[in-house]
């Protein structure tokens, strides 16, 4: 079951167990590089699933931290805006395989029920 409150979605299993929280609104002004630096290298980096007009998006997955972030960057030259967070996903610490197969990796919109 998915609950969408506009800018925040979360997926439930068994009606009361949250398996994934996805934030796409009100992400603040923190530069993505300031967030990525302390996180280190992502276990997976690929095309973002959260498309934005005038931008390319890249998703970085940190399954050992229970976190995936999507960064939107201008494709204009020169850039028309600084890179910004487009989405943040929070989930229980897991491995990359579980993220991909059960939590919506590979371009699926959310967890497998």
Protein backbone atom coordinates (compact mmCIF):
# COMPACT_ATOMS: atom_id res chain seq x y z
CA UNK A 1 0.00 0.00 0.00
CA UNK A 2 1.34 3.45 -0.91
CA UNK A 3 0.37 6.67 0.85
CA UNK A 4 0.98 9.93 -1.07
CA UNK A 5 0.68 13.25 0.74
CA UNK A 6 2.20 15.46 -1.98
CA UNK A 7 5.96 15.69 -1.68
CA UNK A 8 6.04 12.71 0.68
CA UNK A 9 5.14 9.11 -0.11
CA UNK A 10 5.60 6.01 1.95
CA UNK A 11 4.99 2.35 1.33
CA UNK A 12 3.43 0.04 3.92
CA UNK A 13 3.48 -3.72 4.25
CA UNK A 14 0.86 -5.42 6.36
CA UNK A 15 -0.84 -2.00 6.78
CA UNK A 16 1.51 -0.79 9.53
CA UNK A 17 5.13 -1.57 8.56
CA UNK A 18 6.80 1.30 6.66
CA UNK A 19 9.34 -0.10 4.18
CA UNK A 20 10.25 3.04 2.21
CA UNK A 21 9.83 6.79 2.69
CA UNK A 22 10.29 9.05 -0.34
CA UNK A 23 10.61 12.82 0.05
CA UNK A 24 10.36 14.99 -3.07
CA UNK A 25 9.17 18.27 -1.58
CA UNK A 26 10.66 20.77 0.86
CA UNK A 27 14.19 19.34 0.64
CA UNK A 28 15.87 22.54 1.76
CA UNK A 29 18.86 24.30 0.26
CA UNK A 30 21.69 21.94 1.19
CA UNK A 31 23.98 21.52 -1.80
CA UNK A 32 24.07 17.87 -2.91
CA UNK A 33 27.89 17.89 -2.82
CA UNK A 34 27.77 18.85 0.88
CA UNK A 35 25.60 15.82 1.54
CA UNK A 36 27.49 13.41 -0.70
CA UNK A 37 30.94 14.21 0.69
CA UNK A 38 30.41 12.66 4.12
CA UNK A 39 28.48 9.72 2.62
CA UNK A 40 31.41 8.58 0.49
CA UNK A 41 31.06 6.57 -2.68
CA UNK A 42 27.60 5.34 -3.60
CA UNK A 43 27.06 1.60 -4.05
CA UNK A 44 25.15 2.44 -7.21
CA UNK A 45 24.87 5.54 -9.36
CA UNK A 46 22.56 5.75 -12.33
CA UNK A 47 19.84 7.66 -14.11
CA UNK A 48 17.36 9.17 -11.68
CA UNK A 49 13.74 8.08 -11.59
CA UNK A 50 12.53 11.54 -10.52
CA UNK A 51 12.50 13.52 -13.74
CA UNK A 52 12.51 17.31 -13.64
CA UNK A 53 11.96 19.81 -16.43
CA UNK A 54 15.21 21.35 -17.64
CA UNK A 55 17.41 18.92 -15.72
CA UNK A 56 19.09 15.58 -15.78
CA UNK A 57 18.71 13.51 -12.65
CA UNK A 58 21.11 11.04 -11.10
CA UNK A 59 20.28 8.61 -8.30
CA UNK A 60 22.96 7.60 -5.79
CA UNK A 61 22.14 4.60 -3.60
CA UNK A 62 23.73 3.97 -0.19
CA UNK A 63 22.01 0.75 0.92
CA UNK A 64 24.29 0.28 3.93
CA UNK A 65 23.03 3.65 5.19
CA UNK A 66 19.38 3.13 4.22
CA UNK A 67 19.51 6.10 1.87
CA UNK A 68 19.15 6.98 -1.79
CA UNK A 69 19.39 10.54 -3.08
CA UNK A 70 18.52 11.94 -6.48
CA UNK A 71 20.30 15.06 -7.71
CA UNK A 72 18.92 17.32 -10.44
CA UNK A 73 21.47 19.22 -12.53
CA UNK A 74 20.88 21.77 -15.26
CA UNK A 75 21.70 20.57 -18.74
CA UNK A 76 22.05 24.13 -20.02
CA UNK A 77 25.46 25.63 -20.83
CA UNK A 78 26.15 27.57 -18.72
CA UNK A 79 23.96 25.89 -16.07
CA UNK A 80 20.74 27.76 -15.36
CA UNK A 81 20.72 26.56 -11.74
CA UNK A 82 23.04 24.90 -9.24
CA UNK A 83 22.61 21.15 -8.65
CA UNK A 84 19.82 20.46 -6.15
CA UNK A 85 18.24 17.54 -4.37
CA UNK A 86 15.27 16.18 -6.30
CA UNK A 87 14.41 13.26 -3.99
CA UNK A 88 15.52 11.45 -0.87
CA UNK A 89 14.51 7.87 -0.09
CA UNK A 90 14.86 6.35 3.38
CA UNK A 91 14.65 2.64 4.12
CA UNK A 92 16.03 0.05 6.53
CA UNK A 93 19.72 -0.68 6.06
CA UNK A 94 20.05 -3.39 3.44
CA UNK A 95 22.24 -4.53 0.57
CA UNK A 96 22.15 -3.34 -3.04
CA UNK A 97 20.47 -6.53 -4.26
CA UNK A 98 17.54 -6.08 -1.87
CA UNK A 99 17.23 -2.40 -2.79
CA UNK A 100 17.03 -3.26 -6.49
CA UNK A 101 14.75 -6.28 -6.17
CA UNK A 102 12.45 -5.21 -3.35
CA UNK A 103 12.56 -1.44 -2.87
CA UNK A 104 12.09 -0.10 -6.35
CA UNK A 105 15.47 -0.04 -8.04
CA UNK A 106 15.66 -0.59 -11.81
CA UNK A 107 13.15 2.18 -12.56
CA UNK A 108 10.23 0.78 -10.61
CA UNK A 109 8.16 3.32 -8.75
CA UNK A 110 8.39 1.70 -5.35
CA UNK A 111 8.62 -1.51 -3.35
CA UNK A 112 7.43 -4.86 -4.58
CA UNK A 113 4.32 -5.89 -2.66
